[in-house]
Protein backbone atom coordinates (compact mmCIF):
# COMPACT_ATOMS: atom_id res chain seq x y z
CA MET A 1 194.56 95.00 68.83
CA ASN A 2 195.70 92.67 66.11
CA VAL A 3 194.02 89.53 64.77
CA ASN A 4 195.92 87.21 67.13
CA GLU A 5 194.79 89.11 70.22
CA ILE A 6 191.18 89.10 69.01
CA GLY A 7 191.39 85.34 68.35
CA GLU A 8 192.87 84.75 71.80
CA PHE A 9 190.10 86.86 73.35
CA ILE A 10 187.40 84.91 71.49
CA GLY A 11 189.02 81.63 72.58
CA ALA A 12 189.16 82.74 76.21
CA LEU A 13 185.55 83.92 76.00
CA LEU A 14 184.46 80.52 74.65
CA ILE A 15 186.36 78.74 77.43
CA LEU A 16 184.68 80.97 80.02
CA THR A 17 181.26 80.37 78.46
CA GLY A 18 181.96 76.62 78.54
CA GLY A 19 182.76 76.84 82.24
CA PHE A 20 179.53 78.74 82.85
CA ALA A 21 177.53 76.11 80.95
CA SER A 22 179.22 73.41 83.04
CA VAL A 23 178.11 75.12 86.25
CA ILE A 24 174.55 75.33 84.92
CA SER A 25 174.75 71.61 84.13
CA ALA A 26 175.82 70.86 87.70
CA PHE A 27 172.86 72.85 89.06
CA GLY A 28 170.56 70.90 86.76
CA LEU A 29 171.88 67.61 88.11
CA ILE A 30 171.25 68.75 91.66
CA ARG A 31 167.87 70.45 91.23
CA LEU A 32 165.93 68.37 88.72
CA PRO A 33 163.54 65.72 90.10
CA ASP A 34 164.07 62.46 88.21
CA VAL A 35 166.59 60.50 86.18
CA TYR A 36 165.11 61.64 82.87
CA THR A 37 165.41 65.36 83.46
CA ARG A 38 168.77 64.96 85.18
CA SER A 39 170.08 63.04 82.20
CA HIS A 40 168.81 65.82 79.96
CA ALA A 41 170.75 68.37 81.98
CA ALA A 42 173.84 66.20 82.05
CA THR A 43 173.95 65.44 78.36
CA LYS A 44 172.73 68.64 76.73
CA SER A 45 174.41 71.33 78.78
CA SER A 46 177.58 69.43 79.60
CA THR A 47 178.02 68.54 75.93
CA LEU A 48 177.66 72.21 75.10
CA ALA A 49 180.12 73.08 77.87
CA VAL A 50 182.75 70.64 76.66
CA LEU A 51 182.30 71.70 73.04
CA LEU A 52 182.66 75.38 73.90
CA THR A 53 185.71 74.70 76.03
CA LEU A 54 187.42 72.58 73.38
CA LEU A 55 186.58 75.06 70.63
CA GLY A 56 187.89 77.92 72.76
CA THR A 57 191.08 75.97 73.45
CA PHE A 58 191.45 75.22 69.74
CA LEU A 59 191.06 78.89 68.81
CA TYR A 60 193.37 80.06 71.59
CA PHE A 61 196.19 77.75 70.49
CA LEU A 62 195.55 78.54 66.84
CA PHE A 63 195.92 82.29 67.34
CA SER A 64 198.47 82.44 70.15
CA GLN A 65 200.92 79.74 69.02
CA GLN A 66 199.74 79.05 65.45
CA ILE A 67 199.13 75.39 66.33
CA PHE A 68 196.38 73.62 64.40
CA SER A 69 195.42 70.81 66.78
CA VAL A 70 193.79 67.87 65.05
CA ARG A 71 193.39 66.20 68.45
CA LEU A 72 191.13 69.00 69.66
CA LEU A 73 189.04 68.81 66.50
CA LEU A 74 188.73 65.04 66.89
CA GLY A 75 187.78 65.56 70.54
CA ILE A 76 185.07 68.00 69.51
CA ILE A 77 183.67 65.57 66.95
CA PHE A 78 183.88 62.63 69.38
CA VAL A 79 182.06 64.46 72.18
CA PHE A 80 179.49 65.86 69.77
CA LEU A 81 178.65 62.37 68.49
CA THR A 82 178.91 60.22 71.61
CA ALA A 83 177.55 62.25 74.52
CA PRO A 84 173.96 62.66 73.23
CA VAL A 85 173.84 59.00 72.17
CA ALA A 86 175.09 57.84 75.57
CA GLY A 87 172.54 60.03 77.33
CA HIS A 88 169.76 58.68 75.14
CA LEU A 89 170.76 55.08 75.84
CA ILE A 90 170.92 55.69 79.59
CA VAL A 91 167.45 57.22 79.61
CA ARG A 92 166.11 54.44 77.41
CA ALA A 93 167.51 51.79 79.76
CA ALA A 94 165.98 53.62 82.72
CA TYR A 95 162.61 53.81 80.99
CA ARG A 96 162.63 50.15 80.02
CA SER A 97 163.57 49.30 83.61
CA LYS A 98 160.36 51.14 84.54
CA VAL A 99 162.01 53.90 86.55
CA LYS A 100 159.17 56.13 87.72
CA LEU A 101 158.66 59.55 86.16
CA ALA A 102 158.58 62.58 88.42
CA ASP A 103 155.21 63.43 89.94
CA ILE A 104 155.14 66.72 88.04
CA SER A 105 155.36 64.89 84.69
CA THR A 106 152.00 65.23 83.02
CA GLU A 107 152.24 62.92 80.02
CA ASP A 108 154.06 59.75 79.03
CA GLU A 109 153.91 59.65 75.25
CA LEU A 110 156.47 56.86 74.94
CA PHE A 111 154.31 54.36 76.83
CA GLU A 112 151.82 54.14 73.99
CA VAL A 113 154.58 53.49 71.47
CA LEU A 114 156.60 50.92 73.40
CA TYR A 115 153.79 49.09 75.12
CA LYS A 116 151.18 49.20 72.36
CA GLU A 117 150.59 45.43 72.52
CA GLU A 118 150.03 45.48 76.28
CA LYS A 119 147.67 48.42 75.93
CA GLU A 120 145.75 46.64 73.15
CA LYS A 121 145.41 43.56 75.39
CA GLU A 122 144.17 45.77 78.24
CA ASN A 123 141.65 47.36 75.86
CA GLU A 124 140.48 43.92 74.70
CA VAL A 125 140.00 42.84 78.31
CA GLU A 126 138.05 46.04 79.02
CA ILE A 127 135.87 45.47 75.94
CA GLU A 128 135.17 41.89 77.03
CA GLU A 129 134.30 43.10 80.54
CA ASP A 130 131.99 45.73 79.04
CA LYS A 131 130.30 43.05 76.93
CA GLU A 132 129.84 40.87 80.00
CA VAL A 133 128.30 43.80 81.87
CA GLU A 134 125.99 44.50 78.92
CA VAL A 135 124.90 40.85 78.83
CA VAL A 136 124.23 40.88 82.57
CA ASP A 137 122.27 44.12 82.20
CA GLU A 138 120.22 42.64 79.34
CA ILE A 139 119.48 39.55 81.43
CA GLU A 140 118.37 41.70 84.35
CA ILE A 141 116.19 43.83 82.05
CA ALA A 142 114.69 40.68 80.55
CA LYS A 143 113.97 39.32 84.04
CA GLU A 144 112.33 42.59 85.02
CA ASN A 145 110.23 42.57 81.83
CA ASP A 146 109.23 38.94 82.47
CA GLY A 147 108.29 39.90 86.01
CA ILE A 148 106.16 42.74 84.69
CA SER A 149 104.45 40.54 82.08
CA ASP A 150 103.85 37.80 84.66
CA LYS A 151 102.09 40.24 86.96
CA SER A 152 99.74 41.38 84.20
């Protein structure tokens, strides 16, 4: 085996691995429960699949035909930069549209960050309600104490 055959083999192996990652991405889109986890599967694994496939194609053409393809390198850079950003923006739009999380999701850490003002207002309302309850309790205790002192 010479260097060209090894390079072609590595390129073909990367293309095959990219196809496998693409199949895993498709299973993730089918099996996962909500838009957030599906988007994760679509962006992470499909980005990896496309990058592996393009890199394998680049290496295959480099070693088999000695063609240095700038278009493939630009494609790799473009996919690497845009796919995660697009996935993030889609999930962010879904979250801001108040798309429900899956039932198995245990924690929503982003709610506290994005809706801090609403949560503070809710806390203020709860504090005011607690104060009102305390005042009512104090009035009732005072009435009971007055009733006790009146009886004596």
